[in-house]
Amino acid sequence: MQLIMKLISGDKKLSKHGFFQITQKVFLRKGNSLLIMKDRKSGYGDLPGGRMDETEFFEDWMLSVKRELEEEMGKLFQYDIEPRPFLIHKHRVTEGNHPCVIIGYKAIYKGGEIVLSDEHEFMEWVDVNTYKPESFFEDYMLEAVQIYLKEYA
């Protein structure tokens, strides 16, 4: 983290390599259903999860995923998550237009109440065999959902 702060403060020259954010998204299943959400800020489709904080980068990344799930869906629901990512995809964060990398994880809903945070307007369980994400998701997130539905549904 000190190196990053030195780079930000100008103590060292930046290379030509870019800086990218990391967002970890969870493809949460309940049988043949996938949980989708609507992001309040962008109005587009979203999945549970979010961006990794700078301090979390050198820690266990599952801690970041679990923090995001708890923030967005409450402490009452239970799930099993596969710790190994199944998807890495490009993304652009709508707010600020930041380049980002999506890291996707598969998870199974085990029970308990889901309580949405203010970040999302609603959630819905959709059938993975018939769902058409084109009317709800945009750009790179749409591509990620299409990949999931094609390869894992």
Protein backbone atom coordinates (compact mmCIF):
# COMPACT_ATOMS: atom_id res chain seq x y z
CA MET A 1 0.00 0.00 0.00
CA GLN A 2 2.90 2.38 0.69
CA LEU A 3 4.09 1.95 -2.89
CA ILE A 4 0.64 2.84 -4.21
CA MET A 5 0.51 5.92 -2.00
CA LYS A 6 3.97 6.96 -3.23
CA LEU A 7 2.82 6.55 -6.81
CA ILE A 8 -0.29 8.59 -6.16
CA SER A 9 1.62 11.33 -4.37
CA GLY A 10 4.18 11.56 -7.16
CA ASP A 11 7.21 10.23 -5.28
CA LYS A 12 7.86 7.78 -8.11
CA LYS A 13 7.32 7.96 -11.83
CA LEU A 14 4.35 6.02 -13.12
CA SER A 15 4.92 3.45 -15.80
CA LYS A 16 2.86 3.35 -18.98
CA HIS A 17 0.86 0.49 -17.49
CA GLY A 18 -2.67 1.40 -16.49
CA PHE A 19 -4.41 1.23 -13.16
CA PHE A 20 -7.52 -0.93 -13.02
CA GLN A 21 -10.11 -1.60 -10.39
CA ILE A 22 -11.22 -5.11 -9.48
CA THR A 23 -14.86 -6.00 -9.07
CA GLN A 24 -15.83 -9.41 -7.77
CA LYS A 25 -19.27 -10.62 -8.83
CA VAL A 26 -21.16 -13.63 -7.59
CA PHE A 27 -23.36 -15.71 -9.88
CA LEU A 28 -25.74 -16.89 -7.15
CA ARG A 29 -27.92 -19.86 -8.02
CA LYS A 30 -30.98 -21.38 -6.41
CA GLY A 31 -31.69 -24.51 -8.43
CA ASN A 32 -32.20 -23.36 -12.03
CA SER A 33 -32.55 -19.73 -10.98
CA LEU A 34 -29.89 -16.99 -11.05
CA LEU A 35 -30.16 -13.90 -8.83
CA ILE A 36 -30.04 -10.64 -10.76
CA MET A 37 -30.28 -7.12 -9.37
CA LYS A 38 -30.82 -3.60 -10.66
CA ASP A 39 -28.14 -1.06 -9.79
CA ARG A 40 -29.73 2.10 -8.39
CA LYS A 41 -27.13 4.52 -9.80
CA SER A 42 -26.83 3.22 -13.36
CA GLY A 43 -30.26 1.65 -13.75
CA TYR A 44 -28.66 -1.41 -15.35
CA GLY A 45 -28.61 -5.04 -14.40
CA ASP A 46 -26.10 -6.10 -11.78
CA LEU A 47 -25.00 -9.12 -9.79
CA PRO A 48 -24.14 -9.37 -6.10
CA GLY A 49 -20.64 -8.22 -5.25
CA GLY A 50 -18.59 -5.14 -5.84
CA ARG A 51 -15.24 -3.46 -6.04
CA MET A 52 -12.32 -4.50 -3.95
CA ASP A 53 -10.94 -1.87 -1.58
CA GLU A 54 -7.27 -0.96 -1.93
CA THR A 55 -6.49 -2.41 1.50
CA GLU A 56 -8.02 -5.78 0.51
CA PHE A 57 -5.78 -6.42 -2.49
CA PHE A 58 -3.02 -8.22 -0.56
CA GLU A 59 -5.45 -10.07 1.72
CA ASP A 60 -7.58 -13.16 1.07
CA TRP A 61 -9.90 -12.01 -1.74
CA MET A 62 -12.76 -14.10 -0.36
CA LEU A 63 -12.90 -11.66 2.57
CA SER A 64 -13.63 -8.87 0.09
CA VAL A 65 -16.34 -10.92 -1.63
CA LYS A 66 -17.97 -11.78 1.70
CA ARG A 67 -17.83 -8.13 2.82
CA GLU A 68 -19.58 -7.03 -0.36
CA LEU A 69 -22.26 -9.73 -0.07
CA GLU A 70 -22.98 -8.77 3.52
CA GLU A 71 -23.14 -5.05 2.63
CA GLU A 72 -25.47 -5.61 -0.32
CA MET A 73 -27.62 -8.51 0.92
CA GLY A 74 -27.52 -8.48 4.71
CA LYS A 75 -26.21 -10.87 7.33
CA LEU A 76 -29.13 -13.29 7.36
CA PHE A 77 -28.74 -15.21 4.13
CA GLN A 78 -26.50 -18.25 3.74
CA TYR A 79 -24.60 -19.40 0.68
CA ASP A 80 -21.79 -21.67 -0.43
CA ILE A 81 -19.27 -20.05 -2.75
CA GLU A 82 -16.60 -21.70 -4.84
CA PRO A 83 -13.38 -19.87 -3.93
CA ARG A 84 -11.80 -20.40 -7.33
CA PRO A 85 -12.97 -17.83 -9.91
CA PHE A 86 -14.54 -19.25 -13.05
CA LEU A 87 -14.60 -15.99 -15.04
CA ILE A 88 -12.26 -13.08 -15.65
CA HIS A 89 -13.66 -10.40 -17.94
CA LYS A 90 -13.20 -6.75 -18.78
CA HIS A 91 -15.62 -4.18 -17.40
CA ARG A 92 -16.08 -0.45 -17.10
CA VAL A 93 -17.55 0.96 -13.90
CA THR A 94 -20.44 3.20 -14.91
CA GLU A 95 -19.79 5.80 -12.25
CA GLY A 96 -16.52 7.46 -13.23
CA ASN A 97 -16.04 5.30 -16.34
CA HIS A 98 -13.14 3.43 -14.68
CA PRO A 99 -11.60 0.41 -16.40
CA CYS A 100 -12.17 -2.64 -14.28
CA VAL A 101 -11.66 -6.39 -14.23
CA ILE A 102 -14.61 -8.61 -13.30
CA ILE A 103 -13.72 -11.71 -11.36
CA GLY A 104 -16.70 -14.07 -11.29
CA TYR A 105 -17.49 -16.71 -8.68
CA LYS A 106 -20.19 -19.38 -8.64
CA ALA A 107 -22.28 -19.72 -5.49
CA ILE A 108 -25.34 -21.59 -4.26
CA TYR A 109 -28.06 -19.96 -2.16
CA LYS A 110 -28.61 -22.02 1.00
CA GLY A 111 -31.38 -20.06 2.73
CA GLY A 112 -32.16 -17.10 4.91
CA GLU A 113 -33.61 -13.71 4.14
CA ILE A 114 -31.92 -11.45 1.60
CA VAL A 115 -32.15 -7.79 2.62
CA LEU A 116 -31.06 -5.49 -0.21
CA SER A 117 -28.96 -2.43 0.53
CA ASP A 118 -29.70 0.98 -0.98
CA GLU A 119 -27.28 0.18 -3.83
CA HIS A 120 -29.91 -1.88 -5.65
CA GLU A 121 -33.53 -1.13 -6.55
CA PHE A 122 -34.69 -4.73 -6.74
CA MET A 123 -33.66 -8.33 -7.18
CA GLU A 124 -35.20 -11.19 -9.08
CA TRP A 125 -34.55 -14.90 -9.52
CA VAL A 126 -34.53 -15.71 -13.25
CA ASP A 127 -34.57 -19.08 -14.98
CA VAL A 128 -31.10 -19.76 -16.42
CA ASN A 129 -32.60 -21.81 -19.24
CA THR A 130 -34.90 -19.10 -20.61
CA TYR A 131 -33.54 -15.75 -19.35
CA LYS A 132 -32.56 -13.17 -21.99
CA PRO A 133 -30.20 -10.65 -20.34
CA GLU A 134 -29.99 -8.27 -23.32
CA SER A 135 -32.94 -6.18 -22.15
CA PHE A 136 -31.49 -5.61 -18.67
CA PHE A 137 -27.68 -5.75 -18.72
CA GLU A 138 -25.32 -3.49 -20.67
CA ASP A 139 -21.87 -3.71 -22.25
CA TYR A 140 -19.28 -5.87 -20.50
CA MET A 141 -21.58 -7.00 -17.69
CA LEU A 142 -23.97 -8.23 -20.37
CA GLU A 143 -21.10 -10.18 -21.96
CA ALA A 144 -20.19 -11.73 -18.60
CA VAL A 145 -23.78 -12.86 -17.96
CA GLN A 146 -24.05 -14.22 -21.50
CA ILE A 147 -20.85 -16.24 -21.01
CA TYR A 148 -22.19 -17.63 -17.75
CA LEU A 149 -25.55 -18.57 -19.25
CA LYS A 150 -23.95 -20.18 -22.29
CA GLU A 151 -21.28 -22.17 -20.46
CA TYR A 152 -22.69 -22.86 -16.97
CA ALA A 153 -26.50 -22.77 -17.07
